[in-house]
Amino acid sequence: FFFQAEDGIRDFCLSRGLGDVYKRQPENSPEAFSILFRLPDGSRKLRRFSIKDRIQALYDFIETSDIQFEEHDQFEIAVSHPFQVLQDKNRQLEEVFPDSNQETLIIREKI
């Protein structure tokens, strides 16, 4: 897209596209990984990712969603059985969940 400066000059600027990237979900395929997020208020949010996506994509999705937290970046994503916070944001979903194509994750405020 183009960015229009106050003086009317347009500069070409590539967008990081967080809104586009994280709203686009892979179709049902061997590459798709379904995640059901359990939110702090008890509600749930279902989203498909690619098995090649990194844990960082999960955090980015939650940050760009309409979920409200007391402070920015004050939440963590965890697996419930056994309970484990997903801290290494560079790992791919297929590394973390090698034998699955779906998972339920807990979103909670940092303690």
PDB file of N, CA and C in Angstrom:
ATOM      1  N   PHE A   1       0.844  -1.172   0.000  1.00  0.00           N
ATOM      2  CA  PHE A   1       0.000   0.000   0.000  1.00  0.00           C
ATOM      3  C   PHE A   1       0.883   1.226   0.000  1.00  0.00           C
ATOM      4  N   PHE A   2       0.277   2.361  -0.206  1.00  0.00           N
ATOM      5  CA  PHE A   2       1.016   3.615  -0.228  1.00  0.00           C
ATOM      6  C   PHE A   2       0.725   4.404   1.027  1.00  0.00           C
ATOM      7  N   PHE A   3       1.730   5.065   1.525  1.00  0.00           N
ATOM      8  CA  PHE A   3       1.604   5.927   2.686  1.00  0.00           C
ATOM      9  C   PHE A   3       1.613   7.361   2.191  1.00  0.00           C
ATOM     10  N   GLN A   4       0.638   8.131   2.572  1.00  0.00           N
ATOM     11  CA  GLN A   4       0.580   9.514   2.131  1.00  0.00           C
ATOM     12  C   GLN A   4       1.059  10.412   3.258  1.00  0.00           C
ATOM     13  N   ALA A   5       2.144  11.101   2.996  1.00  0.00           N
ATOM     14  CA  ALA A   5       2.692  12.037   3.984  1.00  0.00           C
ATOM     15  C   ALA A   5       1.866  13.319   3.965  1.00  0.00           C
ATOM     16  N   GLU A   6       2.104  14.143   4.983  1.00  0.00           N
ATOM     17  CA  GLU A   6       1.343  15.390   5.089  1.00  0.00           C
ATOM     18  C   GLU A   6       1.563  16.311   3.902  1.00  0.00           C
ATOM     19  N   ASP A   7       2.760  16.223   3.270  1.00  0.00           N
ATOM     20  CA  ASP A   7       3.033  17.121   2.158  1.00  0.00           C
ATOM     21  C   ASP A   7       2.496  16.579   0.828  1.00  0.00           C
ATOM     22  N   GLY A   8       1.792  15.433   0.880  1.00  0.00           N
ATOM     23  CA  GLY A   8       1.174  14.893  -0.321  1.00  0.00           C
ATOM     24  C   GLY A   8       2.058  13.957  -1.112  1.00  0.00           C
ATOM     25  N   ILE A   9       3.318  13.766  -0.713  1.00  0.00           N
ATOM     26  CA  ILE A   9       4.211  12.848  -1.417  1.00  0.00           C
ATOM     27  C   ILE A   9       3.879  11.432  -0.986  1.00  0.00           C
ATOM     28  N   ARG A  10       3.763  10.565  -1.964  1.00  0.00           N
ATOM     29  CA  ARG A  10       3.444   9.161  -1.653  1.00  0.00           C
ATOM     30  C   ARG A  10       4.717   8.329  -1.726  1.00  0.00           C
ATOM     31  N   ASP A  11       4.956   7.585  -0.669  1.00  0.00           N
ATOM     32  CA  ASP A  11       6.076   6.659  -0.636  1.00  0.00           C
ATOM     33  C   ASP A  11       5.527   5.244  -0.632  1.00  0.00           C
ATOM     34  N   PHE A  12       6.186   4.363  -1.390  1.00  0.00           N
ATOM     35  CA  PHE A  12       5.792   2.961  -1.378  1.00  0.00           C
ATOM     36  C   PHE A  12       6.295   2.344  -0.081  1.00  0.00           C
ATOM     37  N   CYS A  13       5.417   1.647   0.617  1.00  0.00           N
ATOM     38  CA  CYS A  13       5.781   1.056   1.899  1.00  0.00           C
ATOM     39  C   CYS A  13       5.128  -0.316   1.993  1.00  0.00           C
ATOM     40  N   LEU A  14       5.939  -1.352   2.177  1.00  0.00           N
ATOM     41  CA  LEU A  14       5.376  -2.683   2.333  1.00  0.00           C
ATOM     42  C   LEU A  14       4.822  -2.837   3.740  1.00  0.00           C
ATOM     43  N   SER A  15       3.635  -3.336   3.831  1.00  0.00           N
ATOM     44  CA  SER A  15       2.983  -3.546   5.117  1.00  0.00           C
ATOM     45  C   SER A  15       3.457  -4.853   5.721  1.00  0.00           C
ATOM     46  N   ARG A  16       3.584  -4.903   7.048  1.00  0.00           N
ATOM     47  CA  ARG A  16       3.842  -6.176   7.717  1.00  0.00           C
ATOM     48  C   ARG A  16       2.622  -7.059   7.580  1.00  0.00           C
ATOM     49  N   GLY A  17       1.463  -6.454   7.396  1.00  0.00           N
ATOM     50  CA  GLY A  17       0.253  -7.190   7.105  1.00  0.00           C
ATOM     51  C   GLY A  17      -0.257  -8.075   8.220  1.00  0.00           C
ATOM     52  N   LEU A  18      -0.036  -7.694   9.465  1.00  0.00           N
ATOM     53  CA  LEU A  18      -0.497  -8.541  10.560  1.00  0.00           C
ATOM     54  C   LEU A  18      -1.989  -8.809  10.469  1.00  0.00           C
ATOM     55  N   GLY A  19      -2.753  -7.795  10.136  1.00  0.00           N
ATOM     56  CA  GLY A  19      -4.189  -8.000  10.022  1.00  0.00           C
ATOM     57  C   GLY A  19      -4.530  -8.988   8.923  1.00  0.00           C
ATOM     58  N   ASP A  20      -3.847  -8.864   7.783  1.00  0.00           N
ATOM     59  CA  ASP A  20      -4.102  -9.775   6.669  1.00  0.00           C
ATOM     60  C   ASP A  20      -3.606 -11.180   6.974  1.00  0.00           C
ATOM     61  N   VAL A  21      -2.401 -11.274   7.487  1.00  0.00           N
ATOM     62  CA  VAL A  21      -1.782 -12.585   7.709  1.00  0.00           C
ATOM     63  C   VAL A  21      -2.538 -13.390   8.738  1.00  0.00           C
ATOM     64  N   TYR A  22      -2.899 -12.776   9.846  1.00  0.00           N
ATOM     65  CA  TYR A  22      -3.492 -13.550  10.920  1.00  0.00           C
ATOM     66  C   TYR A  22      -4.999 -13.733  10.785  1.00  0.00           C
ATOM     67  N   LYS A  23      -5.618 -13.058   9.842  1.00  0.00           N
ATOM     68  CA  LYS A  23      -7.033 -13.313   9.581  1.00  0.00           C
ATOM     69  C   LYS A  23      -7.189 -14.407   8.536  1.00  0.00           C
ATOM     70  N   ARG A  24      -6.155 -14.601   7.716  1.00  0.00           N
ATOM     71  CA  ARG A  24      -6.209 -15.619   6.676  1.00  0.00           C
ATOM     72  C   ARG A  24      -5.914 -16.974   7.308  1.00  0.00           C
ATOM     73  N   GLN A  25      -6.802 -17.938   7.125  1.00  0.00           N
ATOM     74  CA  GLN A  25      -6.639 -19.257   7.725  1.00  0.00           C
ATOM     75  C   GLN A  25      -6.438 -20.292   6.628  1.00  0.00           C
ATOM     76  N   PRO A  26      -5.531 -21.241   6.840  1.00  0.00           N
ATOM     77  CA  PRO A  26      -5.358 -22.287   5.831  1.00  0.00           C
ATOM     78  C   PRO A  26      -6.614 -23.145   5.711  1.00  0.00           C
ATOM     79  N   GLU A  27      -6.861 -23.629   4.523  1.00  0.00           N
ATOM     80  CA  GLU A  27      -7.995 -24.521   4.294  1.00  0.00           C
ATOM     81  C   GLU A  27      -7.742 -25.845   5.004  1.00  0.00           C
ATOM     82  N   ASN A  28      -8.787 -26.655   5.124  1.00  0.00           N
ATOM     83  CA  ASN A  28      -8.606 -27.990   5.679  1.00  0.00           C
ATOM     84  C   ASN A  28      -7.679 -28.774   4.762  1.00  0.00           C
ATOM     85  N   SER A  29      -6.519 -29.126   5.262  1.00  0.00           N
ATOM     86  CA  SER A  29      -5.522 -29.866   4.502  1.00  0.00           C
ATOM     87  C   SER A  29      -4.556 -30.485   5.499  1.00  0.00           C
ATOM     88  N   PRO A  30      -3.648 -31.323   5.025  1.00  0.00           N
ATOM     89  CA  PRO A  30      -2.647 -31.892   5.935  1.00  0.00           C
ATOM     90  C   PRO A  30      -1.773 -30.816   6.592  1.00  0.00           C
ATOM     91  N   GLU A  31      -1.706 -29.643   5.979  1.00  0.00           N
ATOM     92  CA  GLU A  31      -0.901 -28.546   6.520  1.00  0.00           C
ATOM     93  C   GLU A  31      -1.654 -27.713   7.554  1.00  0.00           C
ATOM     94  N   ALA A  32      -2.958 -27.936   7.701  1.00  0.00           N
ATOM     95  CA  ALA A  32      -3.779 -27.136   8.624  1.00  0.00           C
ATOM     96  C   ALA A  32      -3.719 -27.719  10.033  1.00  0.00           C
ATOM     97  N   PHE A  33      -3.688 -26.825  11.016  1.00  0.00           N
ATOM     98  CA  PHE A  33      -3.638 -27.204  12.426  1.00  0.00           C
ATOM     99  C   PHE A  33      -4.701 -26.374  13.143  1.00  0.00           C
ATOM    100  N   SER A  34      -5.692 -27.029  13.726  1.00  0.00           N
ATOM    101  CA  SER A  34      -6.792 -26.323  14.403  1.00  0.00           C
ATOM    102  C   SER A  34      -6.469 -26.131  15.875  1.00  0.00           C
ATOM    103  N   ILE A  35      -6.674 -24.913  16.348  1.00  0.00           N
ATOM    104  CA  ILE A  35      -6.450 -24.609  17.757  1.00  0.00           C
ATOM    105  C   ILE A  35      -7.707 -23.983  18.336  1.00  0.00           C
ATOM    106  N   LEU A  36      -8.149 -24.549  19.446  1.00  0.00           N
ATOM    107  CA  LEU A  36      -9.243 -23.977  20.213  1.00  0.00           C
ATOM    108  C   LEU A  36      -8.623 -23.265  21.404  1.00  0.00           C
ATOM    109  N   PHE A  37      -8.742 -21.947  21.432  1.00  0.00           N
ATOM    110  CA  PHE A  37      -8.199 -21.144  22.533  1.00  0.00           C
ATOM    111  C   PHE A  37      -9.260 -21.024  23.612  1.00  0.00           C
ATOM    112  N   ARG A  38      -8.923 -21.381  24.836  1.00  0.00           N
ATOM    113  CA  ARG A  38      -9.800 -21.153  25.992  1.00  0.00           C
ATOM    114  C   ARG A  38      -9.362 -19.838  26.624  1.00  0.00           C
ATOM    115  N   LEU A  39     -10.248 -18.857  26.611  1.00  0.00           N
ATOM    116  CA  LEU A  39      -9.921 -17.501  27.040  1.00  0.00           C
ATOM    117  C   LEU A  39     -10.187 -17.303  28.524  1.00  0.00           C
ATOM    118  N   PRO A  40      -9.564 -16.287  29.129  1.00  0.00           N
ATOM    119  CA  PRO A  40      -9.723 -16.047  30.568  1.00  0.00           C
ATOM    120  C   PRO A  40     -11.176 -15.873  31.024  1.00  0.00           C
ATOM    121  N   ASP A  41     -12.031 -15.339  30.160  1.00  0.00           N
ATOM    122  CA  ASP A  41     -13.432 -15.124  30.548  1.00  0.00           C
ATOM    123  C   ASP A  41     -14.300 -16.368  30.365  1.00  0.00           C
ATOM    124  N   GLY A  42     -13.693 -17.497  29.948  1.00  0.00           N
ATOM    125  CA  GLY A  42     -14.418 -18.738  29.767  1.00  0.00           C
ATOM    126  C   GLY A  42     -14.882 -18.985  28.343  1.00  0.00           C
ATOM    127  N   SER A  43     -14.815 -17.969  27.505  1.00  0.00           N
ATOM    128  CA  SER A  43     -15.217 -18.154  26.108  1.00  0.00           C
ATOM    129  C   SER A  43     -14.121 -18.903  25.344  1.00  0.00           C
ATOM    130  N   ARG A  44     -14.444 -19.273  24.133  1.00  0.00           N
ATOM    131  CA  ARG A  44     -13.516 -20.030  23.303  1.00  0.00           C
ATOM    132  C   ARG A  44     -13.435 -19.392  21.923  1.00  0.00           C
ATOM    133  N   LYS A  45     -12.284 -19.574  21.295  1.00  0.00           N
ATOM    134  CA  LYS A  45     -12.077 -19.036  19.950  1.00  0.00           C
ATOM    135  C   LYS A  45     -11.332 -20.093  19.141  1.00  0.00           C
ATOM    136  N   LEU A  46     -11.912 -20.517  18.026  1.00  0.00           N
ATOM    137  CA  LEU A  46     -11.317 -21.534  17.171  1.00  0.00           C
ATOM    138  C   LEU A  46     -10.609 -20.874  16.001  1.00  0.00           C
ATOM    139  N   ARG A  47      -9.420 -21.365  15.676  1.00  0.00           N
ATOM    140  CA  ARG A  47      -8.620 -20.773  14.586  1.00  0.00           C
ATOM    141  C   ARG A  47      -7.740 -21.846  13.981  1.00  0.00           C
ATOM    142  N   ARG A  48      -7.592 -21.834  12.662  1.00  0.00           N
ATOM    143  CA  ARG A  48      -6.675 -22.736  11.968  1.00  0.00           C
ATOM    144  C   ARG A  48      -5.376 -22.009  11.664  1.00  0.00           C
ATOM    145  N   PHE A  49      -4.280 -22.719  11.826  1.00  0.00           N
ATOM    146  CA  PHE A  49      -2.947 -22.239  11.483  1.00  0.00           C
ATOM    147  C   PHE A  49      -2.298 -23.273  10.578  1.00  0.00           C
ATOM    148  N   SER A  50      -1.167 -22.954  10.014  1.00  0.00           N
ATOM    149  CA  SER A  50      -0.369 -23.922   9.274  1.00  0.00           C
ATOM    150  C   SER A  50       0.527 -24.653  10.264  1.00  0.00           C
ATOM    151  N   ILE A  51       0.809 -25.926  10.029  1.00  0.00           N
ATOM    152  CA  ILE A  51       1.712 -26.653  10.922  1.00  0.00           C
ATOM    153  C   ILE A  51       3.119 -26.070  10.884  1.00  0.00           C
ATOM    154  N   LYS A  52       3.406 -25.280   9.867  1.00  0.00           N
ATOM    155  CA  LYS A  52       4.717 -24.626   9.743  1.00  0.00           C
ATOM    156  C   LYS A  52       4.781 -23.315  10.527  1.00  0.00           C
ATOM    157  N   ASP A  53       3.621 -22.808  10.985  1.00  0.00           N
ATOM    158  CA  ASP A  53       3.610 -21.565  11.768  1.00  0.00           C
ATOM    159  C   ASP A  53       4.371 -21.759  13.067  1.00  0.00           C
ATOM    160  N   ARG A  54       4.934 -20.682  13.540  1.00  0.00           N
ATOM    161  CA  ARG A  54       5.670 -20.703  14.802  1.00  0.00           C
ATOM    162  C   ARG A  54       4.730 -20.308  15.951  1.00  0.00           C
ATOM    163  N   ILE A  55       5.129 -20.627  17.153  1.00  0.00           N
ATOM    164  CA  ILE A  55       4.340 -20.265  18.338  1.00  0.00           C
ATOM    165  C   ILE A  55       4.109 -18.754  18.367  1.00  0.00           C
ATOM    166  N   GLN A  56       5.045 -17.986  17.839  1.00  0.00           N
ATOM    167  CA  GLN A  56       4.895 -16.526  17.786  1.00  0.00           C
ATOM    168  C   GLN A  56       3.595 -16.142  17.076  1.00  0.00           C
ATOM    169  N   ALA A  57       3.188 -16.913  16.065  1.00  0.00           N
ATOM    170  CA  ALA A  57       1.944 -16.612  15.333  1.00  0.00           C
ATOM    171  C   ALA A  57       0.732 -16.721  16.250  1.00  0.00           C
ATOM    172  N   LEU A  58       0.776 -17.636  17.223  1.00  0.00           N
ATOM    173  CA  LEU A  58      -0.330 -17.765  18.175  1.00  0.00           C
ATOM    174  C   LEU A  58      -0.404 -16.521  19.055  1.00  0.00           C
ATOM    175  N   TYR A  59       0.750 -16.078  19.548  1.00  0.00           N
ATOM    176  CA  TYR A  59       0.789 -14.864  20.377  1.00  0.00           C
ATOM    177  C   TYR A  59       0.336 -13.648  19.565  1.00  0.00           C
ATOM    178  N   ASP A  60       0.784 -13.556  18.311  1.00  0.00           N
ATOM    179  CA  ASP A  60       0.377 -12.435  17.459  1.00  0.00           C
ATOM    180  C   ASP A  60      -1.129 -12.442  17.224  1.00  0.00           C
ATOM    181  N   PHE A  61      -1.689 -13.619  17.013  1.00  0.00           N
ATOM    182  CA  PHE A  61      -3.131 -13.731  16.797  1.00  0.00           C
ATOM    183  C   PHE A  61      -3.902 -13.217  18.020  1.00  0.00           C
ATOM    184  N   ILE A  62      -3.494 -13.638  19.204  1.00  0.00           N
ATOM    185  CA  ILE A  62      -4.177 -13.199  20.422  1.00  0.00           C
ATOM    186  C   ILE A  62      -4.002 -11.694  20.614  1.00  0.00           C
ATOM    187  N   GLU A  63      -2.790 -11.175  20.351  1.00  0.00           N
ATOM    188  CA  GLU A  63      -2.550  -9.736  20.506  1.00  0.00           C
ATOM    189  C   GLU A  63      -3.397  -8.908  19.551  1.00  0.00           C
ATOM    190  N   THR A  64      -3.658  -9.419  18.354  1.00  0.00           N
ATOM    191  CA  THR A  64      -4.415  -8.640  17.369  1.00  0.00           C
ATOM    192  C   THR A  64      -5.916  -8.922  17.424  1.00  0.00           C
ATOM    193  N   SER A  65      -6.330  -9.805  18.309  1.00  0.00           N
ATOM    194  CA  SER A  65      -7.758 -10.091  18.443  1.00  0.00           C
ATOM    195  C   SER A  65      -8.402  -9.078  19.385  1.00  0.00           C
ATOM    196  N   ASP A  66      -9.683  -9.240  19.616  1.00  0.00           N
ATOM    197  CA  ASP A  66     -10.419  -8.288  20.445  1.00  0.00           C
ATOM    198  C   ASP A  66     -10.399  -8.650  21.927  1.00  0.00           C
ATOM    199  N   ILE A  67      -9.487  -9.516  22.344  1.00  0.00           N
ATOM    200  CA  ILE A  67      -9.395  -9.928  23.742  1.00  0.00           C
ATOM    201  C   ILE A  67      -8.709  -8.820  24.538  1.00  0.00           C
ATOM    202  N   GLN A  68      -9.306  -8.447  25.649  1.00  0.00           N
ATOM    203  CA  GLN A  68      -8.778  -7.358  26.472  1.00  0.00           C
ATOM    204  C   GLN A  68      -7.997  -7.906  27.669  1.00  0.00           C
ATOM    205  N   PHE A  69      -6.807  -7.381  27.858  1.00  0.00           N
ATOM    206  CA  PHE A  69      -5.989  -7.705  29.023  1.00  0.00           C
ATOM    207  C   PHE A  69      -5.671  -6.418  29.758  1.00  0.00           C
ATOM    208  N   GLU A  70      -5.345  -6.547  31.046  1.00  0.00           N
ATOM    209  CA  GLU A  70      -5.012  -5.375  31.858  1.00  0.00           C
ATOM    210  C   GLU A  70      -3.886  -4.567  31.213  1.00  0.00           C
ATOM    211  N   GLU A  71      -2.829  -5.268  30.778  1.00  0.00           N
ATOM    212  CA  GLU A  71      -1.686  -4.609  30.156  1.00  0.00           C
ATOM    213  C   GLU A  71      -1.318  -5.365  28.889  1.00  0.00           C
ATOM    214  N   HIS A  72      -0.734  -4.634  27.921  1.00  0.00           N
ATOM    215  CA  HIS A  72      -0.283  -5.247  26.673  1.00  0.00           C
ATOM    216  C   HIS A  72       0.768  -6.313  26.972  1.00  0.00           C
ATOM    217  N   ASP A  73       0.702  -7.408  26.280  1.00  0.00           N
ATOM    218  CA  ASP A  73       1.683  -8.498  26.399  1.00  0.00           C
ATOM    219  C   ASP A  73       1.721  -9.093  27.798  1.00  0.00           C
ATOM    220  N   GLN A  74       0.595  -9.078  28.491  1.00  0.00           N
ATOM    221  CA  GLN A  74       0.542  -9.642  29.840  1.00  0.00           C
ATOM    222  C   GLN A  74      -0.272 -10.933  29.858  1.00  0.00           C
ATOM    223  N   PHE A  75      -0.066 -11.774  28.841  1.00  0.00           N
ATOM    224  CA  PHE A  75      -0.757 -13.051  28.804  1.00  0.00           C
ATOM    225  C   PHE A  75       0.238 -14.120  28.372  1.00  0.00           C
ATOM    226  N   GLU A  76      -0.148 -15.357  28.606  1.00  0.00           N
ATOM    227  CA  GLU A  76       0.660 -16.470  28.156  1.00  0.00           C
ATOM    228  C   GLU A  76      -0.254 -17.548  27.601  1.00  0.00           C
ATOM    229  N   ILE A  77       0.308 -18.370  26.747  1.00  0.00           N
ATOM    230  CA  ILE A  77      -0.430 -19.460  26.122  1.00  0.00           C
ATOM    231  C   ILE A  77       0.139 -20.759  26.670  1.00  0.00           C
ATOM    232  N   ALA A  78      -0.763 -21.647  27.095  1.00  0.00           N
ATOM    233  CA  ALA A  78      -0.312 -22.884  27.723  1.00  0.00           C
ATOM    234  C   ALA A  78      -1.082 -24.093  27.213  1.00  0.00           C
ATOM    235  N   VAL A  79      -0.421 -25.233  27.307  1.00  0.00           N
ATOM    236  CA  VAL A  79      -1.038 -26.534  27.054  1.00  0.00           C
ATOM    237  C   VAL A  79      -1.543 -27.026  28.401  1.00  0.00           C
ATOM    238  N   SER A  80      -2.712 -27.655  28.417  1.00  0.00           N
ATOM    239  CA  SER A  80      -3.277 -28.047  29.709  1.00  0.00           C
ATOM    240  C   SER A  80      -2.804 -29.403  30.219  1.00  0.00           C
ATOM    241  N   HIS A  81      -2.491 -30.347  29.328  1.00  0.00           N
ATOM    242  CA  HIS A  81      -2.118 -31.699  29.778  1.00  0.00           C
ATOM    243  C   HIS A  81      -0.819 -32.147  29.165  1.00  0.00           C
ATOM    244  N   PRO A  82       0.282 -32.228  29.867  1.00  0.00           N
ATOM    245  CA  PRO A  82       0.486 -31.631  31.185  1.00  0.00           C
ATOM    246  C   PRO A  82       0.625 -30.122  31.026  1.00  0.00           C
ATOM    247  N   PHE A  83       0.291 -29.386  32.080  1.00  0.00           N
ATOM    248  CA  PHE A  83       0.317 -27.926  31.995  1.00  0.00           C
ATOM    249  C   PHE A  83       1.732 -27.458  31.671  1.00  0.00           C
ATOM    250  N   GLN A  84       1.838 -26.668  30.598  1.00  0.00           N
ATOM    251  CA  GLN A  84       3.137 -26.143  30.178  1.00  0.00           C
ATOM    252  C   GLN A  84       2.910 -24.860  29.384  1.00  0.00           C
ATOM    253  N   VAL A  85       3.579 -23.791  29.796  1.00  0.00           N
ATOM    254  CA  VAL A  85       3.488 -22.525  29.069  1.00  0.00           C
ATOM    255  C   VAL A  85       4.364 -22.618  27.826  1.00  0.00           C
ATOM    256  N   LEU A  86       3.821 -22.182  26.686  1.00  0.00           N
ATOM    257  CA  LEU A  86       4.576 -22.180  25.428  1.00  0.00           C
ATOM    258  C   LEU A  86       5.433 -20.919  25.384  1.00  0.00           C
ATOM    259  N   GLN A  87       6.678 -21.054  25.795  1.00  0.00           N
ATOM    260  CA  GLN A  87       7.557 -19.889  25.904  1.00  0.00           C
ATOM    261  C   GLN A  87       8.486 -19.722  24.710  1.00  0.00           C
ATOM    262  N   ASP A  88       8.912 -20.816  24.090  1.00  0.00           N
ATOM    263  CA  ASP A  88       9.824 -20.729  22.952  1.00  0.00           C
ATOM    264  C   ASP A  88       9.013 -20.385  21.710  1.00  0.00           C
ATOM    265  N   LYS A  89       8.956 -19.109  21.397  1.00  0.00           N
ATOM    266  CA  LYS A  89       8.090 -18.622  20.325  1.00  0.00           C
ATOM    267  C   LYS A  89       8.639 -18.912  18.930  1.00  0.00           C
ATOM    268  N   ASN A  90       9.855 -19.440  18.846  1.00  0.00           N
ATOM    269  CA  ASN A  90      10.441 -19.757  17.543  1.00  0.00           C
ATOM    270  C   ASN A  90      10.156 -21.181  17.081  1.00  0.00           C
ATOM    271  N   ARG A  91       9.609 -22.011  17.937  1.00  0.00           N
ATOM    272  CA  ARG A  91       9.313 -23.394  17.562  1.00  0.00           C
ATOM    273  C   ARG A  91       8.079 -23.449  16.669  1.00  0.00           C
ATOM    274  N   GLN A  92       8.088 -24.384  15.733  1.00  0.00           N
ATOM    275  CA  GLN A  92       6.947 -24.569  14.845  1.00  0.00           C
ATOM    276  C   GLN A  92       5.910 -25.456  15.520  1.00  0.00           C
ATOM    277  N   LEU A  93       4.652 -25.289  15.109  1.00  0.00           N
ATOM    278  CA  LEU A  93       3.574 -26.095  15.678  1.00  0.00           C
ATOM    279  C   LEU A  93       3.832 -27.586  15.508  1.00  0.00           C
ATOM    280  N   GLU A  94       4.378 -27.985  14.351  1.00  0.00           N
ATOM    281  CA  GLU A  94       4.629 -29.407  14.122  1.00  0.00           C
ATOM    282  C   GLU A  94       5.713 -29.957  15.045  1.00  0.00           C
ATOM    283  N   GLU A  95       6.589 -29.100  15.558  1.00  0.00           N
ATOM    284  CA  GLU A  95       7.595 -29.529  16.537  1.00  0.00           C
ATOM    285  C   GLU A  95       6.975 -29.703  17.916  1.00  0.00           C
ATOM    286  N   VAL A  96       6.125 -28.782  18.282  1.00  0.00           N
ATOM    287  CA  VAL A  96       5.511 -28.787  19.610  1.00  0.00           C
ATOM    288  C   VAL A  96       4.447 -29.873  19.723  1.00  0.00           C
ATOM    289  N   PHE A  97       3.694 -30.079  18.644  1.00  0.00           N
ATOM    290  CA  PHE A  97       2.601 -31.058  18.623  1.00  0.00           C
ATOM    291  C   PHE A  97       2.811 -32.024  17.456  1.00  0.00           C
ATOM    292  N   PRO A  98       3.812 -32.905  17.530  1.00  0.00           N
ATOM    293  CA  PRO A  98       4.151 -33.737  16.369  1.00  0.00           C
ATOM    294  C   PRO A  98       3.102 -34.773  15.988  1.00  0.00           C
ATOM    295  N   ASP A  99       2.274 -35.192  16.927  1.00  0.00           N
ATOM    296  CA  ASP A  99       1.320 -36.272  16.652  1.00  0.00           C
ATOM    297  C   ASP A  99      -0.124 -35.796  16.605  1.00  0.00           C
ATOM    298  N   SER A 100      -0.327 -34.533  16.295  1.00  0.00           N
ATOM    299  CA  SER A 100      -1.682 -33.989  16.357  1.00  0.00           C
ATOM    300  C   SER A 100      -1.898 -32.978  15.246  1.00  0.00           C
ATOM    301  N   ASN A 101      -3.161 -32.777  14.881  1.00  0.00           N
ATOM    302  CA  ASN A 101      -3.497 -31.699  13.951  1.00  0.00           C
ATOM    303  C   ASN A 101      -4.533 -30.767  14.569  1.00  0.00           C
ATOM    304  N   GLN A 102      -4.757 -30.937  15.893  1.00  0.00           N
ATOM    305  CA  GLN A 102      -5.636 -30.031  16.630  1.00  0.00           C
ATOM    306  C   GLN A 102      -5.232 -30.031  18.097  1.00  0.00           C
ATOM    307  N   GLU A 103      -5.513 -28.915  18.760  1.00  0.00           N
ATOM    308  CA  GLU A 103      -5.116 -28.781  20.162  1.00  0.00           C
ATOM    309  C   GLU A 103      -5.993 -27.726  20.820  1.00  0.00           C
ATOM    310  N   THR A 104      -6.190 -27.880  22.124  1.00  0.00           N
ATOM    311  CA  THR A 104      -6.851 -26.865  22.922  1.00  0.00           C
ATOM    312  C   THR A 104      -5.794 -26.193  23.782  1.00  0.00           C
ATOM    313  N   LEU A 105      -5.715 -24.880  23.706  1.00  0.00           N
ATOM    314  CA  LEU A 105      -4.719 -24.125  24.461  1.00  0.00           C
ATOM    315  C   LEU A 105      -5.413 -23.150  25.405  1.00  0.00           C
ATOM    316  N   ILE A 106      -4.772 -22.873  26.514  1.00  0.00           N
ATOM    317  CA  ILE A 106      -5.299 -21.967  27.522  1.00  0.00           C
ATOM    318  C   ILE A 106      -4.611 -20.615  27.391  1.00  0.00           C
ATOM    319  N   ILE A 107      -5.401 -19.566  27.370  1.00  0.00           N
ATOM    320  CA  ILE A 107      -4.871 -18.198  27.401  1.00  0.00           C
ATOM    321  C   ILE A 107      -5.123 -17.686  28.801  1.00  0.00           C
ATOM    322  N   ARG A 108      -4.068 -17.244  29.474  1.00  0.00           N
ATOM    323  CA  ARG A 108      -4.261 -16.703  30.814  1.00  0.00           C
ATOM    324  C   ARG A 108      -3.363 -15.491  31.009  1.00  0.00           C
ATOM    325  N   GLU A 109      -3.789 -14.636  31.917  1.00  0.00           N
ATOM    326  CA  GLU A 109      -2.968 -13.471  32.241  1.00  0.00           C
ATOM    327  C   GLU A 109      -1.749 -13.955  33.009  1.00  0.00           C
ATOM    328  N   LYS A 110      -0.613 -13.284  32.769  1.00  0.00           N
ATOM    329  CA  LYS A 110       0.612 -13.665  33.471  1.00  0.00           C
ATOM    330  C   LYS A 110       0.440 -13.448  34.955  1.00  0.00           C
ATOM    331  N   ILE A 111       0.999 -14.367  35.695  1.00  0.00           N
ATOM    332  CA  ILE A 111       0.896 -14.290  37.152  1.00  0.00           C
ATOM    333  C   ILE A 111       2.086 -13.556  37.715  1.00  0.00           C
TER     334      ILE A 111
END
